[in-house]
Amino acid sequence: MPDQDGYPTDEELQKIRKWPIEGTYEGFFTFIRSCWWAADWGWREEDTVDDLFNKPVHRYTISTGGWSGNESIIEAMMENVVPWTMTWVQSRRGGHFIFQIPASGENHGPT
């Protein structure tokens, strides 16, 4: 839960940096959303089909809104190399990111 000003705590950022990926990545994104400022505005999820591999995926389209707390979360995510590289799809100027995981929830990372 973010602090009283809406910023993620140091403990939350550390948890994101060190998140142990066992099984699926759903828990990782659920936790990140719980720390995200203005998730009602800057966080969208949908089941869709991957543009490259034509497989069903669960897509997370998130925007930082320029909020430094959200930017800190993105930086912490980037430091956790395995989930970042396994789920990151796209970044755009302005703090916009797309991530996706297999829709079936099957693991695509270390167990």
Protein backbone atom coordinates (compact mmCIF):
# COMPACT_ATOMS: atom_id res chain seq x y z
CA MET A 1 0.00 0.00 0.00
CA PRO A 2 1.55 3.34 -0.99
CA ASP A 3 2.40 5.87 1.70
CA GLN A 4 0.12 8.77 2.72
CA ASP A 5 1.23 10.84 -0.29
CA GLY A 6 0.66 8.04 -2.79
CA TYR A 7 4.31 7.03 -3.23
CA PRO A 8 5.43 3.40 -3.03
CA THR A 9 7.38 2.60 0.12
CA ASP A 10 11.02 1.53 0.03
CA GLU A 11 9.89 -1.93 1.15
CA GLU A 12 7.44 -2.20 -1.77
CA LEU A 13 10.10 -1.14 -4.28
CA GLN A 14 12.52 -3.67 -2.82
CA LYS A 15 9.87 -6.39 -3.06
CA ILE A 16 9.41 -5.56 -6.78
CA ARG A 17 13.18 -5.63 -7.36
CA LYS A 18 13.53 -9.03 -5.67
CA TRP A 19 10.18 -10.61 -6.61
CA PRO A 20 10.71 -14.38 -6.79
CA ILE A 21 9.08 -15.63 -9.94
CA GLU A 22 7.66 -19.04 -9.20
CA GLY A 23 4.87 -20.19 -11.46
CA THR A 24 3.18 -17.29 -13.26
CA TYR A 25 3.68 -13.52 -13.41
CA GLU A 26 0.11 -12.68 -12.39
CA GLY A 27 1.04 -12.11 -8.75
CA PHE A 28 3.85 -9.78 -9.78
CA PHE A 29 1.47 -7.51 -11.69
CA THR A 30 -1.22 -7.72 -9.02
CA PHE A 31 1.28 -6.48 -6.44
CA ILE A 32 2.54 -3.71 -8.72
CA ARG A 33 -1.01 -2.52 -9.36
CA SER A 34 -1.58 -2.32 -5.60
CA CYS A 35 1.33 0.16 -5.40
CA TRP A 36 0.39 2.12 -8.54
CA TRP A 37 -0.81 5.71 -8.15
CA ALA A 38 -4.02 6.45 -10.11
CA ALA A 39 -4.46 2.86 -11.27
CA ASP A 40 -8.07 3.65 -12.18
CA TRP A 41 -6.72 6.01 -14.83
CA GLY A 42 -3.31 4.64 -15.81
CA TRP A 43 -3.78 0.88 -15.72
CA ARG A 44 -5.69 -1.25 -18.20
CA GLU A 45 -5.82 -5.03 -18.54
CA GLU A 46 -7.31 -7.09 -21.32
CA ASP A 47 -7.31 -10.57 -22.75
CA THR A 48 -6.22 -10.39 -26.36
CA VAL A 49 -4.05 -12.10 -28.98
CA ASP A 50 -0.32 -11.42 -29.24
CA ASP A 51 0.47 -9.42 -32.37
CA LEU A 52 3.65 -11.38 -33.17
CA PHE A 53 2.95 -14.98 -32.16
CA ASN A 54 -0.84 -15.03 -32.56
CA LYS A 55 -1.30 -16.62 -29.10
CA PRO A 56 -3.79 -15.60 -26.38
CA VAL A 57 -2.26 -13.23 -23.81
CA HIS A 58 -3.28 -11.09 -20.87
CA ARG A 59 -2.05 -7.57 -21.69
CA TYR A 60 -1.23 -4.81 -19.19
CA THR A 61 -1.18 -1.31 -20.66
CA ILE A 62 0.07 1.09 -18.01
CA SER A 63 0.98 4.77 -17.94
CA THR A 64 2.96 6.51 -15.24
CA GLY A 65 1.09 9.79 -15.66
CA GLY A 66 4.42 11.50 -15.01
CA TRP A 67 4.07 10.60 -11.32
CA SER A 68 7.53 10.03 -9.86
CA GLY A 69 6.23 7.24 -7.62
CA ASN A 70 5.06 5.29 -10.67
CA GLU A 71 8.38 6.01 -12.39
CA SER A 72 10.11 4.50 -9.34
CA ILE A 73 8.00 1.37 -9.71
CA ILE A 74 9.00 1.06 -13.39
CA GLU A 75 12.67 1.46 -12.43
CA ALA A 76 12.31 -1.28 -9.79
CA MET A 77 10.62 -3.53 -12.37
CA MET A 78 13.50 -2.98 -14.80
CA GLU A 79 15.97 -4.04 -12.11
CA ASN A 80 14.20 -7.40 -11.82
CA VAL A 81 15.58 -8.65 -15.11
CA VAL A 82 13.74 -11.95 -15.58
CA PRO A 83 10.15 -10.72 -15.24
CA TRP A 84 10.98 -7.53 -17.16
CA THR A 85 12.45 -9.35 -20.14
CA MET A 86 9.78 -12.06 -20.13
CA THR A 87 6.78 -9.68 -19.99
CA TRP A 88 7.87 -6.34 -21.50
CA VAL A 89 6.46 -5.68 -24.96
CA GLN A 90 6.72 -1.95 -25.58
CA SER A 91 7.69 1.41 -24.10
CA ARG A 92 6.68 4.78 -25.52
CA ARG A 93 7.69 8.31 -24.76
CA GLY A 94 5.53 9.79 -22.03
CA GLY A 95 5.70 6.87 -19.61
CA HIS A 96 3.57 4.35 -21.49
CA PHE A 97 4.33 0.63 -21.20
CA ILE A 98 2.83 -2.61 -22.44
CA PHE A 99 3.48 -5.97 -20.79
CA GLN A 100 1.86 -9.30 -21.45
CA ILE A 101 1.72 -12.77 -19.99
CA PRO A 102 0.25 -15.97 -21.44
CA ALA A 103 -3.55 -15.87 -21.04
CA SER A 104 -3.57 -19.45 -19.83
CA GLY A 105 -1.38 -18.49 -16.88
CA GLU A 106 1.25 -21.00 -17.91
CA ASN A 107 4.74 -20.23 -16.73
CA HIS A 108 7.24 -18.74 -19.15
CA GLY A 109 9.92 -18.04 -16.57
CA PRO A 110 12.04 -19.94 -14.08
CA THR A 111 10.30 -22.22 -11.61
